């Protein structure tokens, strides 16, 4: 696919859109292209040419927005995990003040959002590991762990201190491994099975 860049003169309105609006739309097209390309062909095959062609922008426009394809991958993955976290927080807020019910509700919402579109879970829990982003790739686990830690403190689970970040990180590692396995599996286990097994793990550890 050949790129069709939009490069009107800087500072001028074009097709009724201001320069800032055009740039915002261009960036969104690149994010959408990242979701499609990284989520289907994967990071290793996601060339700048393919990403630009999918987004319908020129190479210069790409580098105006992102310094590298790794930066685009990280931006796409961050958006995915942030959206999943919103679903998780909403589910936790609506769940009864019961450990098992709250854990199941949160996991169901988080995992359900990610697996609803397989591109999301592939990017957040598989492709992000393929890129040279050693420090940044821990962001998903860290964000999820912070929420778990907060919930443990709020519920006042017996035997646990207010700050259980190490325990929360260990539990989120289990979430990551199961989601990574699910992404690569030829015959994918039912989502309900993932939620049930992880709920069992969380409840046993927290009690």
N, C-alpha and C. Protein backbone atom coordinates (compact mmCIF):
# COMPACT_ATOMS: atom_id res chain seq x y z
N UNK A 1 0.85 -1.19 0.00
CA UNK A 1 0.00 0.00 0.00
C UNK A 1 0.89 1.23 0.00
N UNK A 2 0.62 2.19 -0.86
CA UNK A 2 1.44 3.40 -0.92
C UNK A 2 0.87 4.46 0.01
N UNK A 3 1.77 5.20 0.64
CA UNK A 3 1.33 6.25 1.56
C UNK A 3 0.76 7.41 0.77
N UNK A 4 -0.23 8.08 1.35
CA UNK A 4 -0.83 9.26 0.75
C UNK A 4 -0.71 10.39 1.76
N UNK A 5 0.47 11.01 1.86
CA UNK A 5 0.71 12.00 2.91
C UNK A 5 -0.07 13.27 2.72
N UNK A 6 -0.44 13.86 3.83
CA UNK A 6 -1.06 15.18 3.83
C UNK A 6 0.01 16.17 4.22
N UNK A 7 0.44 17.02 3.32
CA UNK A 7 1.49 17.96 3.65
C UNK A 7 1.18 19.37 3.17
N UNK A 8 0.03 19.96 3.57
CA UNK A 8 -0.25 21.34 3.20
C UNK A 8 0.71 22.29 3.90
N UNK A 9 0.77 23.50 3.45
CA UNK A 9 1.69 24.47 4.05
C UNK A 9 1.41 24.64 5.53
N UNK A 10 2.49 24.76 6.30
CA UNK A 10 2.37 24.87 7.75
C UNK A 10 1.59 26.13 8.12
N UNK A 11 0.72 26.00 9.11
CA UNK A 11 -0.01 27.14 9.62
C UNK A 11 -1.29 27.50 8.88
N UNK A 12 -1.54 26.86 7.75
CA UNK A 12 -2.75 27.16 6.98
C UNK A 12 -3.85 26.14 7.25
N UNK A 13 -5.08 26.65 7.22
CA UNK A 13 -6.21 25.73 7.33
C UNK A 13 -6.30 24.94 6.03
N UNK A 14 -6.69 23.68 6.15
CA UNK A 14 -6.78 22.81 4.96
C UNK A 14 -8.02 21.95 5.12
N UNK A 15 -8.91 22.00 4.11
CA UNK A 15 -10.15 21.23 4.15
C UNK A 15 -10.94 21.52 5.44
N UNK A 16 -10.87 22.79 5.87
CA UNK A 16 -11.63 23.20 7.05
C UNK A 16 -11.02 22.81 8.37
N UNK A 17 -9.80 22.27 8.34
CA UNK A 17 -9.15 21.84 9.59
C UNK A 17 -7.92 22.68 9.86
N UNK A 18 -7.71 23.03 11.13
CA UNK A 18 -6.53 23.79 11.52
C UNK A 18 -5.31 22.88 11.53
N UNK A 19 -4.09 23.45 11.55
CA UNK A 19 -2.89 22.62 11.62
C UNK A 19 -2.89 21.68 12.82
N UNK A 20 -3.36 22.17 13.98
CA UNK A 20 -3.40 21.31 15.17
C UNK A 20 -4.37 20.15 14.99
N UNK A 21 -5.51 20.43 14.36
CA UNK A 21 -6.49 19.37 14.12
C UNK A 21 -5.94 18.33 13.15
N UNK A 22 -5.25 18.81 12.10
CA UNK A 22 -4.67 17.87 11.14
C UNK A 22 -3.62 16.99 11.80
N UNK A 23 -2.82 17.60 12.65
CA UNK A 23 -1.76 16.82 13.32
C UNK A 23 -2.37 15.80 14.28
N UNK A 24 -3.40 16.22 14.99
CA UNK A 24 -4.07 15.30 15.92
C UNK A 24 -4.67 14.12 15.17
N UNK A 25 -5.29 14.39 14.03
CA UNK A 25 -5.87 13.32 13.23
C UNK A 25 -4.79 12.41 12.64
N UNK A 26 -3.67 13.02 12.23
CA UNK A 26 -2.55 12.23 11.71
C UNK A 26 -1.99 11.30 12.78
N UNK A 27 -1.85 11.84 13.99
CA UNK A 27 -1.35 11.02 15.09
C UNK A 27 -2.31 9.87 15.38
N UNK A 28 -3.62 10.17 15.35
CA UNK A 28 -4.60 9.12 15.61
C UNK A 28 -4.55 8.05 14.53
N UNK A 29 -4.34 8.45 13.28
CA UNK A 29 -4.22 7.46 12.20
C UNK A 29 -3.01 6.56 12.43
N UNK A 30 -1.94 7.12 12.94
CA UNK A 30 -0.75 6.31 13.24
C UNK A 30 -1.02 5.35 14.40
N UNK A 31 -1.73 5.82 15.41
CA UNK A 31 -2.08 4.94 16.53
C UNK A 31 -3.00 3.81 16.06
N UNK A 32 -3.96 4.14 15.20
CA UNK A 32 -4.85 3.12 14.64
C UNK A 32 -4.07 2.12 13.79
N UNK A 33 -3.11 2.64 13.02
CA UNK A 33 -2.28 1.76 12.20
C UNK A 33 -1.42 0.86 13.08
N UNK A 34 -0.92 1.42 14.18
CA UNK A 34 -0.13 0.62 15.11
C UNK A 34 -0.93 -0.52 15.70
N UNK A 35 -2.18 -0.23 16.08
CA UNK A 35 -3.05 -1.29 16.61
C UNK A 35 -3.22 -2.39 15.57
N UNK A 36 -3.47 -2.01 14.33
CA UNK A 36 -3.70 -3.00 13.29
C UNK A 36 -2.44 -3.79 12.94
N UNK A 37 -1.35 -3.09 12.72
CA UNK A 37 -0.13 -3.76 12.26
C UNK A 37 0.55 -4.55 13.37
N UNK A 38 0.79 -3.91 14.52
CA UNK A 38 1.43 -4.63 15.63
C UNK A 38 0.53 -5.77 16.11
N UNK A 39 -0.79 -5.55 16.03
CA UNK A 39 -1.73 -6.54 16.55
C UNK A 39 -2.02 -7.68 15.60
N UNK A 40 -1.53 -7.60 14.37
CA UNK A 40 -1.79 -8.68 13.41
C UNK A 40 -0.48 -9.31 12.91
N UNK A 41 0.37 -8.52 12.27
CA UNK A 41 1.62 -9.09 11.75
C UNK A 41 2.71 -9.13 12.81
N UNK A 42 2.59 -8.30 13.86
CA UNK A 42 3.55 -8.32 14.95
C UNK A 42 4.65 -7.29 14.81
N UNK A 43 5.36 -7.06 15.90
CA UNK A 43 6.42 -6.04 15.95
C UNK A 43 7.54 -6.33 14.95
N UNK A 44 7.99 -7.56 14.87
CA UNK A 44 9.13 -7.88 14.01
C UNK A 44 8.88 -7.55 12.55
N UNK A 45 7.64 -7.70 12.10
CA UNK A 45 7.30 -7.46 10.69
C UNK A 45 6.73 -6.06 10.46
N UNK A 46 6.62 -5.28 11.51
CA UNK A 46 6.00 -3.95 11.40
C UNK A 46 7.04 -2.92 10.98
N UNK A 47 7.28 -2.82 9.69
CA UNK A 47 8.23 -1.83 9.17
C UNK A 47 7.61 -0.44 9.17
N UNK A 48 8.47 0.56 9.13
CA UNK A 48 7.99 1.93 9.04
C UNK A 48 7.15 2.12 7.77
N UNK A 49 7.60 1.50 6.69
CA UNK A 49 6.86 1.59 5.42
C UNK A 49 5.45 1.05 5.56
N UNK A 50 5.31 -0.11 6.20
CA UNK A 50 3.99 -0.71 6.39
C UNK A 50 3.12 0.15 7.31
N UNK A 51 3.70 0.65 8.38
CA UNK A 51 2.95 1.49 9.31
C UNK A 51 2.48 2.77 8.62
N UNK A 52 3.37 3.40 7.85
CA UNK A 52 3.00 4.64 7.15
C UNK A 52 1.94 4.37 6.08
N UNK A 53 2.08 3.27 5.36
CA UNK A 53 1.10 2.93 4.34
C UNK A 53 -0.27 2.68 4.94
N UNK A 54 -0.30 1.99 6.06
CA UNK A 54 -1.57 1.71 6.72
C UNK A 54 -2.21 3.00 7.25
N UNK A 55 -1.38 3.91 7.75
CA UNK A 55 -1.89 5.17 8.30
C UNK A 55 -2.13 6.23 7.23
N UNK A 56 -1.64 5.99 6.02
CA UNK A 56 -1.74 6.94 4.91
C UNK A 56 -1.02 8.25 5.24
N UNK A 57 0.20 8.12 5.73
CA UNK A 57 1.05 9.29 5.98
C UNK A 57 2.43 9.02 5.39
N UNK A 58 3.18 10.09 5.17
CA UNK A 58 4.55 9.95 4.69
C UNK A 58 5.51 9.63 5.83
N UNK A 59 6.71 9.22 5.46
CA UNK A 59 7.72 8.88 6.47
C UNK A 59 8.06 10.07 7.35
N UNK A 60 8.18 11.25 6.74
CA UNK A 60 8.49 12.45 7.52
C UNK A 60 7.41 12.70 8.56
N UNK A 61 6.15 12.53 8.15
CA UNK A 61 5.04 12.74 9.08
C UNK A 61 5.12 11.75 10.25
N UNK A 62 5.53 10.51 9.95
CA UNK A 62 5.68 9.52 11.02
C UNK A 62 6.68 10.03 12.05
N UNK A 63 7.86 10.46 11.58
CA UNK A 63 8.92 10.87 12.51
C UNK A 63 8.62 12.21 13.17
N UNK A 64 7.70 12.97 12.62
CA UNK A 64 7.24 14.18 13.31
C UNK A 64 6.47 13.82 14.57
N UNK A 65 5.84 12.65 14.57
CA UNK A 65 5.01 12.22 15.70
C UNK A 65 5.72 11.26 16.64
N UNK A 66 6.50 10.34 16.07
CA UNK A 66 7.16 9.31 16.88
C UNK A 66 8.61 9.15 16.44
N UNK A 67 9.55 9.08 17.38
CA UNK A 67 10.96 8.95 17.01
C UNK A 67 11.32 7.57 16.46
N UNK A 68 10.46 6.58 16.70
CA UNK A 68 10.77 5.21 16.26
C UNK A 68 9.49 4.38 16.28
N UNK A 69 9.56 3.21 15.67
CA UNK A 69 8.39 2.32 15.72
C UNK A 69 8.19 1.78 17.14
N UNK A 70 9.28 1.68 17.92
CA UNK A 70 9.13 1.27 19.31
C UNK A 70 8.30 2.28 20.10
N UNK A 71 8.52 3.57 19.81
CA UNK A 71 7.74 4.61 20.50
C UNK A 71 6.27 4.51 20.14
N UNK A 72 5.97 4.20 18.89
CA UNK A 72 4.58 4.01 18.49
C UNK A 72 3.99 2.79 19.18
N UNK A 73 4.72 1.70 19.22
CA UNK A 73 4.24 0.49 19.90
C UNK A 73 3.93 0.80 21.37
N UNK A 74 4.82 1.51 22.03
CA UNK A 74 4.61 1.84 23.44
C UNK A 74 3.38 2.71 23.62
N UNK A 75 3.18 3.67 22.72
CA UNK A 75 2.00 4.54 22.82
C UNK A 75 0.72 3.75 22.63
N UNK A 76 0.70 2.83 21.67
CA UNK A 76 -0.48 2.01 21.44
C UNK A 76 -0.75 1.12 22.66
N UNK A 77 0.29 0.48 23.16
CA UNK A 77 0.14 -0.42 24.31
C UNK A 77 -0.33 0.36 25.55
N UNK A 78 0.20 1.55 25.74
CA UNK A 78 -0.20 2.38 26.89
C UNK A 78 -1.68 2.73 26.81
N UNK A 79 -2.15 3.08 25.62
CA UNK A 79 -3.58 3.39 25.44
C UNK A 79 -4.44 2.18 25.76
N UNK A 80 -4.00 1.01 25.32
CA UNK A 80 -4.77 -0.23 25.54
C UNK A 80 -4.88 -0.52 27.04
N UNK A 81 -3.75 -0.47 27.73
CA UNK A 81 -3.75 -0.80 29.16
C UNK A 81 -4.51 0.25 29.96
N UNK A 82 -4.40 1.51 29.56
CA UNK A 82 -5.14 2.56 30.27
C UNK A 82 -6.65 2.35 30.12
N UNK A 83 -7.09 1.97 28.93
CA UNK A 83 -8.52 1.70 28.72
C UNK A 83 -8.97 0.47 29.50
N UNK A 84 -8.12 -0.55 29.55
CA UNK A 84 -8.44 -1.75 30.33
C UNK A 84 -8.53 -1.42 31.82
N UNK A 85 -7.66 -0.54 32.28
CA UNK A 85 -7.67 -0.15 33.68
C UNK A 85 -8.96 0.60 34.04
N UNK A 86 -9.47 1.39 33.11
CA UNK A 86 -10.75 2.08 33.34
C UNK A 86 -11.87 1.06 33.53
N UNK A 87 -11.88 0.05 32.67
CA UNK A 87 -12.89 -1.01 32.80
C UNK A 87 -12.76 -1.72 34.14
N UNK A 88 -11.53 -1.98 34.54
CA UNK A 88 -11.26 -2.65 35.82
C UNK A 88 -11.76 -1.81 36.99
N UNK A 89 -11.43 -0.54 36.99
CA UNK A 89 -11.82 0.33 38.09
C UNK A 89 -13.34 0.47 38.19
N UNK A 90 -14.00 0.56 37.06
CA UNK A 90 -15.46 0.66 37.07
C UNK A 90 -16.10 -0.60 37.63
N UNK A 91 -15.54 -1.76 37.25
CA UNK A 91 -16.06 -3.03 37.75
C UNK A 91 -15.84 -3.17 39.25
N UNK A 92 -14.69 -2.74 39.72
CA UNK A 92 -14.40 -2.82 41.15
C UNK A 92 -15.32 -1.91 41.95
N UNK A 93 -15.59 -0.74 41.40
CA UNK A 93 -16.45 0.22 42.11
C UNK A 93 -17.87 -0.31 42.24
N UNK A 94 -18.31 -1.11 41.26
CA UNK A 94 -19.68 -1.62 41.27
C UNK A 94 -19.81 -2.96 42.00
N UNK A 95 -18.69 -3.61 42.29
CA UNK A 95 -18.71 -4.96 42.88
C UNK A 95 -19.00 -4.90 44.38
N UNK A 96 -19.59 -5.97 44.94
CA UNK A 96 -19.82 -6.03 46.39
C UNK A 96 -18.51 -6.00 47.16
N UNK A 97 -18.57 -5.62 48.42
CA UNK A 97 -17.37 -5.55 49.26
C UNK A 97 -17.06 -6.96 49.79
N UNK A 98 -16.79 -7.83 48.86
CA UNK A 98 -16.44 -9.23 49.16
C UNK A 98 -15.22 -9.57 48.33
N UNK A 99 -14.21 -10.16 48.96
CA UNK A 99 -12.93 -10.38 48.28
C UNK A 99 -13.09 -11.16 46.99
N UNK A 100 -13.71 -12.33 47.05
CA UNK A 100 -13.78 -13.17 45.85
C UNK A 100 -14.62 -12.52 44.75
N UNK A 101 -15.75 -11.93 45.13
CA UNK A 101 -16.61 -11.30 44.12
C UNK A 101 -15.93 -10.10 43.48
N UNK A 102 -15.20 -9.35 44.29
CA UNK A 102 -14.54 -8.17 43.75
C UNK A 102 -13.38 -8.57 42.83
N UNK A 103 -12.62 -9.58 43.23
CA UNK A 103 -11.52 -10.07 42.40
C UNK A 103 -12.05 -10.57 41.06
N UNK A 104 -13.11 -11.37 41.11
CA UNK A 104 -13.66 -11.93 39.87
C UNK A 104 -14.21 -10.81 38.96
N UNK A 105 -14.88 -9.84 39.57
CA UNK A 105 -15.44 -8.75 38.77
C UNK A 105 -14.33 -7.94 38.09
N UNK A 106 -13.27 -7.66 38.83
CA UNK A 106 -12.17 -6.89 38.27
C UNK A 106 -11.44 -7.63 37.17
N UNK A 107 -11.15 -8.90 37.41
CA UNK A 107 -10.46 -9.70 36.40
C UNK A 107 -11.32 -9.89 35.16
N UNK A 108 -12.59 -10.12 35.35
CA UNK A 108 -13.49 -10.31 34.22
C UNK A 108 -13.51 -9.07 33.33
N UNK A 109 -13.57 -7.91 33.96
CA UNK A 109 -13.62 -6.66 33.19
C UNK A 109 -12.30 -6.40 32.47
N UNK A 110 -11.20 -6.58 33.17
CA UNK A 110 -9.88 -6.30 32.60
C UNK A 110 -9.56 -7.26 31.46
N UNK A 111 -9.68 -8.55 31.74
CA UNK A 111 -9.37 -9.57 30.73
C UNK A 111 -10.39 -9.55 29.60
N UNK A 112 -11.64 -9.29 29.95
CA UNK A 112 -12.68 -9.22 28.93
C UNK A 112 -12.41 -8.12 27.92
N UNK A 113 -12.02 -6.96 28.40
CA UNK A 113 -11.72 -5.85 27.49
C UNK A 113 -10.54 -6.20 26.58
N UNK A 114 -9.49 -6.77 27.15
CA UNK A 114 -8.29 -7.08 26.36
C UNK A 114 -8.56 -8.15 25.31
N UNK A 115 -9.27 -9.18 25.69
CA UNK A 115 -9.47 -10.31 24.78
C UNK A 115 -10.64 -10.08 23.81
N UNK A 116 -11.45 -9.05 24.05
CA UNK A 116 -12.54 -8.72 23.15
C UNK A 116 -12.00 -8.42 21.74
N UNK A 117 -10.83 -7.81 21.69
CA UNK A 117 -10.13 -7.54 20.43
C UNK A 117 -8.74 -8.15 20.60
N UNK A 118 -8.47 -9.26 19.93
CA UNK A 118 -7.22 -9.98 20.15
C UNK A 118 -5.99 -9.14 19.86
N UNK A 119 -6.14 -8.09 19.07
CA UNK A 119 -5.00 -7.21 18.81
C UNK A 119 -4.55 -6.52 20.10
N UNK A 120 -5.50 -6.19 20.96
CA UNK A 120 -5.17 -5.51 22.21
C UNK A 120 -4.27 -6.37 23.10
N UNK A 121 -4.71 -7.58 23.36
CA UNK A 121 -3.96 -8.43 24.28
C UNK A 121 -2.63 -8.85 23.67
N UNK A 122 -2.60 -9.04 22.34
CA UNK A 122 -1.34 -9.39 21.69
C UNK A 122 -0.31 -8.28 21.86
N UNK A 123 -0.74 -7.04 21.66
CA UNK A 123 0.19 -5.92 21.78
C UNK A 123 0.64 -5.72 23.23
N UNK A 124 -0.32 -5.72 24.16
CA UNK A 124 -0.01 -5.39 25.56
C UNK A 124 0.78 -6.47 26.28
N UNK A 125 0.59 -7.74 25.87
CA UNK A 125 1.24 -8.82 26.63
C UNK A 125 2.15 -9.72 25.81
N UNK A 126 2.30 -9.44 24.50
CA UNK A 126 3.24 -10.24 23.72
C UNK A 126 4.18 -9.36 22.92
N UNK A 127 3.63 -8.51 22.07
CA UNK A 127 4.49 -7.72 21.19
C UNK A 127 5.36 -6.73 21.95
N UNK A 128 4.85 -6.21 23.06
CA UNK A 128 5.64 -5.27 23.85
C UNK A 128 6.90 -5.93 24.38
N UNK A 129 6.87 -7.26 24.53
CA UNK A 129 8.05 -7.99 25.00
C UNK A 129 9.08 -8.18 23.90
N UNK A 130 8.65 -8.06 22.64
CA UNK A 130 9.55 -8.27 21.52
C UNK A 130 10.41 -7.05 21.23
N UNK A 131 9.95 -5.89 21.66
CA UNK A 131 10.65 -4.64 21.35
C UNK A 131 11.74 -4.36 22.38
N UNK A 132 12.77 -3.59 21.99
CA UNK A 132 13.83 -3.23 22.94
C UNK A 132 13.37 -2.13 23.89
N UNK A 133 12.44 -2.47 24.75
CA UNK A 133 11.88 -1.52 25.71
C UNK A 133 11.94 -2.13 27.10
N UNK A 134 13.13 -2.47 27.53
CA UNK A 134 13.31 -3.21 28.77
C UNK A 134 12.66 -2.55 29.96
N UNK A 135 12.85 -1.25 30.12
CA UNK A 135 12.27 -0.57 31.28
C UNK A 135 10.78 -0.31 31.09
N UNK A 136 10.42 0.14 29.89
CA UNK A 136 9.05 0.56 29.64
C UNK A 136 8.07 -0.60 29.61
N UNK A 137 8.52 -1.79 29.26
CA UNK A 137 7.57 -2.88 29.05
C UNK A 137 6.96 -3.40 30.35
N UNK A 138 7.44 -2.93 31.49
CA UNK A 138 6.87 -3.34 32.76
C UNK A 138 5.65 -2.51 33.15
N UNK A 139 5.30 -1.53 32.29
CA UNK A 139 4.25 -0.58 32.67
C UNK A 139 2.91 -1.26 32.92
N UNK A 140 2.57 -2.27 32.14
CA UNK A 140 1.27 -2.92 32.29
C UNK A 140 1.16 -3.59 33.64
N UNK A 141 2.19 -4.34 34.02
CA UNK A 141 2.18 -5.02 35.32
C UNK A 141 2.17 -4.01 36.46
N UNK A 142 2.95 -2.94 36.32
CA UNK A 142 3.03 -1.94 37.39
C UNK A 142 1.69 -1.25 37.60
N UNK A 143 1.02 -0.92 36.50
CA UNK A 143 -0.28 -0.24 36.61
C UNK A 143 -1.32 -1.16 37.25
N UNK A 144 -1.35 -2.41 36.82
CA UNK A 144 -2.30 -3.38 37.36
C UNK A 144 -1.98 -3.65 38.83
N UNK A 145 -0.70 -3.78 39.14
CA UNK A 145 -0.29 -4.07 40.51
C UNK A 145 -0.69 -2.96 41.47
N UNK A 146 -0.60 -1.73 41.02
CA UNK A 146 -0.98 -0.60 41.86
C UNK A 146 -2.46 -0.67 42.23
N UNK A 147 -3.29 -1.06 41.26
CA UNK A 147 -4.72 -1.21 41.53
C UNK A 147 -4.98 -2.35 42.51
N UNK A 148 -4.28 -3.46 42.33
CA UNK A 148 -4.44 -4.60 43.25
C UNK A 148 -4.03 -4.19 44.65
N UNK A 149 -2.90 -3.52 44.76
CA UNK A 149 -2.39 -3.08 46.06
C UNK A 149 -3.40 -2.17 46.75
N UNK A 150 -3.97 -1.26 45.98
CA UNK A 150 -4.97 -0.33 46.52
C UNK A 150 -6.21 -1.07 47.04
N UNK A 151 -6.65 -2.08 46.28
CA UNK A 151 -7.84 -2.84 46.67
C UNK A 151 -7.59 -3.67 47.92
N UNK A 152 -6.41 -4.26 48.03
CA UNK A 152 -6.08 -5.06 49.22
C UNK A 152 -6.13 -4.17 50.45
N UNK A 153 -5.56 -2.97 50.33
CA UNK A 153 -5.58 -2.05 51.46
C UNK A 153 -6.98 -1.60 51.81
N UNK A 154 -7.78 -1.34 50.78
CA UNK A 154 -9.15 -0.87 51.01
C UNK A 154 -10.01 -1.93 51.67
N UNK A 155 -9.84 -3.18 51.25
CA UNK A 155 -10.64 -4.26 51.82
C UNK A 155 -10.16 -4.66 53.22
N UNK A 156 -8.92 -4.24 53.56
CA UNK A 156 -8.39 -4.59 54.86
C UNK A 156 -8.28 -6.09 55.05
N UNK A 157 -7.76 -6.78 54.03
CA UNK A 157 -7.65 -8.23 54.09
C UNK A 157 -6.78 -8.65 55.26
N UNK A 158 -7.30 -9.57 56.06
CA UNK A 158 -6.60 -10.02 57.26
C UNK A 158 -5.24 -10.61 56.92
N UNK A 159 -4.24 -10.22 57.71
CA UNK A 159 -2.91 -10.78 57.51
C UNK A 159 -2.06 -10.01 56.52
N UNK A 160 -2.61 -8.95 55.93
CA UNK A 160 -1.86 -8.17 54.95
C UNK A 160 -1.77 -6.73 55.38
N UNK A 161 -0.60 -6.17 55.18
CA UNK A 161 -0.39 -4.76 55.50
C UNK A 161 -1.06 -3.89 54.44
N UNK A 162 -1.07 -2.59 54.72
CA UNK A 162 -1.70 -1.67 53.77
C UNK A 162 -0.96 -1.67 52.43
N UNK A 163 0.38 -1.78 52.47
CA UNK A 163 1.17 -1.76 51.25
C UNK A 163 1.63 -3.18 50.91
N UNK A 164 1.05 -3.74 49.88
CA UNK A 164 1.37 -5.10 49.46
C UNK A 164 1.83 -5.12 48.00
N UNK A 165 2.65 -4.14 47.64
CA UNK A 165 3.02 -3.98 46.24
C UNK A 165 3.78 -5.19 45.71
N UNK A 166 4.65 -5.79 46.54
CA UNK A 166 5.41 -6.96 46.07
C UNK A 166 4.47 -8.13 45.78
N UNK A 167 3.50 -8.35 46.66
CA UNK A 167 2.52 -9.40 46.44
C UNK A 167 1.70 -9.09 45.18
N UNK A 168 1.30 -7.84 45.05
CA UNK A 168 0.51 -7.44 43.89
C UNK A 168 1.28 -7.65 42.59
N UNK A 169 2.57 -7.34 42.59
CA UNK A 169 3.39 -7.56 41.40
C UNK A 169 3.50 -9.04 41.06
N UNK A 170 3.63 -9.88 42.10
CA UNK A 170 3.70 -11.32 41.87
C UNK A 170 2.40 -11.83 41.24
N UNK A 171 1.28 -11.35 41.72
CA UNK A 171 -0.01 -11.78 41.19
C UNK A 171 -0.22 -11.30 39.76
N UNK A 172 0.17 -10.06 39.49
CA UNK A 172 0.01 -9.55 38.13
C UNK A 172 0.93 -10.26 37.16
N UNK A 173 2.04 -10.79 37.67
CA UNK A 173 2.90 -11.60 36.80
C UNK A 173 2.14 -12.83 36.30
N UNK A 174 1.30 -13.39 37.17
CA UNK A 174 0.48 -14.53 36.76
C UNK A 174 -0.53 -14.14 35.69
N UNK A 175 -1.11 -12.94 35.82
CA UNK A 175 -2.04 -12.45 34.81
C UNK A 175 -1.33 -12.33 33.47
N UNK A 176 -0.15 -11.74 33.49
CA UNK A 176 0.61 -11.53 32.27
C UNK A 176 0.98 -12.84 31.57
N UNK A 177 1.41 -13.82 32.35
CA UNK A 177 1.82 -15.09 31.75
C UNK A 177 0.62 -15.82 31.14
N UNK A 178 -0.51 -15.80 31.83
CA UNK A 178 -1.68 -16.48 31.27
C UNK A 178 -2.19 -15.77 30.01
N UNK A 179 -2.16 -14.46 30.00
CA UNK A 179 -2.60 -13.73 28.81
C UNK A 179 -1.64 -13.93 27.65
N UNK A 180 -0.36 -13.98 27.95
CA UNK A 180 0.63 -14.24 26.91
C UNK A 180 0.43 -15.63 26.33
N UNK A 181 0.17 -16.61 27.20
CA UNK A 181 -0.10 -17.97 26.75
C UNK A 181 -1.36 -18.02 25.89
N UNK A 182 -2.41 -17.32 26.34
CA UNK A 182 -3.68 -17.30 25.60
C UNK A 182 -3.48 -16.73 24.20
N UNK A 183 -2.68 -15.67 24.12
CA UNK A 183 -2.45 -15.01 22.83
C UNK A 183 -1.80 -15.95 21.83
N UNK A 184 -0.83 -16.74 22.30
CA UNK A 184 -0.10 -17.61 21.38
C UNK A 184 -0.70 -18.98 21.18
N UNK A 185 -1.73 -19.31 21.94
CA UNK A 185 -2.30 -20.66 21.86
C UNK A 185 -3.09 -20.85 20.56
N UNK A 186 -2.91 -22.02 19.95
CA UNK A 186 -3.68 -22.35 18.74
C UNK A 186 -5.15 -22.55 19.13
N UNK A 187 -5.37 -23.34 20.18
CA UNK A 187 -6.72 -23.52 20.72
C UNK A 187 -6.81 -22.71 22.02
N UNK A 188 -7.41 -21.57 21.95
CA UNK A 188 -7.43 -20.67 23.09
C UNK A 188 -8.38 -21.15 24.18
N UNK A 189 -7.90 -21.20 25.43
CA UNK A 189 -8.79 -21.58 26.53
C UNK A 189 -9.93 -20.56 26.66
N UNK A 190 -11.10 -20.98 27.13
CA UNK A 190 -12.20 -20.04 27.33
C UNK A 190 -11.79 -18.93 28.30
N UNK A 191 -12.25 -17.73 28.06
CA UNK A 191 -11.92 -16.60 28.92
C UNK A 191 -12.39 -16.85 30.35
N UNK A 192 -13.54 -17.49 30.49
CA UNK A 192 -14.07 -17.78 31.83
C UNK A 192 -13.10 -18.66 32.62
N UNK A 193 -12.43 -19.58 31.91
CA UNK A 193 -11.45 -20.45 32.58
C UNK A 193 -10.28 -19.63 33.09
N UNK A 194 -9.79 -18.68 32.28
CA UNK A 194 -8.71 -17.80 32.71
C UNK A 194 -9.11 -17.02 33.95
N UNK A 195 -10.31 -16.47 33.92
CA UNK A 195 -10.78 -15.66 35.04
C UNK A 195 -10.92 -16.52 36.29
N UNK A 196 -11.46 -17.72 36.14
CA UNK A 196 -11.64 -18.62 37.29
C UNK A 196 -10.31 -19.00 37.92
N UNK A 197 -9.34 -19.37 37.10
CA UNK A 197 -8.04 -19.78 37.62
C UNK A 197 -7.32 -18.61 38.30
N UNK A 198 -7.40 -17.44 37.70
CA UNK A 198 -6.74 -16.28 38.30
C UNK A 198 -7.46 -15.83 39.56
N UNK A 199 -8.78 -15.94 39.58
CA UNK A 199 -9.53 -15.59 40.79
C UNK A 199 -9.11 -16.51 41.94
N UNK A 200 -8.98 -17.78 41.64
CA UNK A 200 -8.55 -18.77 42.65
C UNK A 200 -7.16 -18.40 43.19
N UNK A 201 -6.26 -18.02 42.27
CA UNK A 201 -4.91 -17.66 42.67
C UNK A 201 -4.91 -16.41 43.54
N UNK A 202 -5.62 -15.36 43.12
CA UNK A 202 -5.66 -14.11 43.87
C UNK A 202 -6.26 -14.31 45.25
N UNK A 203 -7.38 -15.00 45.32
CA UNK A 203 -8.06 -15.18 46.59
C UNK A 203 -7.20 -15.99 47.56
N UNK A 204 -6.58 -17.06 47.05
CA UNK A 204 -5.72 -17.90 47.92
C UNK A 204 -4.55 -17.08 48.45
N UNK A 205 -3.95 -16.26 47.61
CA UNK A 205 -2.79 -15.46 48.06
C UNK A 205 -3.22 -14.37 49.04
N UNK A 206 -4.34 -13.74 48.79
CA UNK A 206 -4.76 -12.61 49.61
C UNK A 206 -5.37 -13.05 50.93
N UNK A 207 -5.87 -14.28 50.99
CA UNK A 207 -6.42 -14.77 52.26
C UNK A 207 -5.36 -15.41 53.12
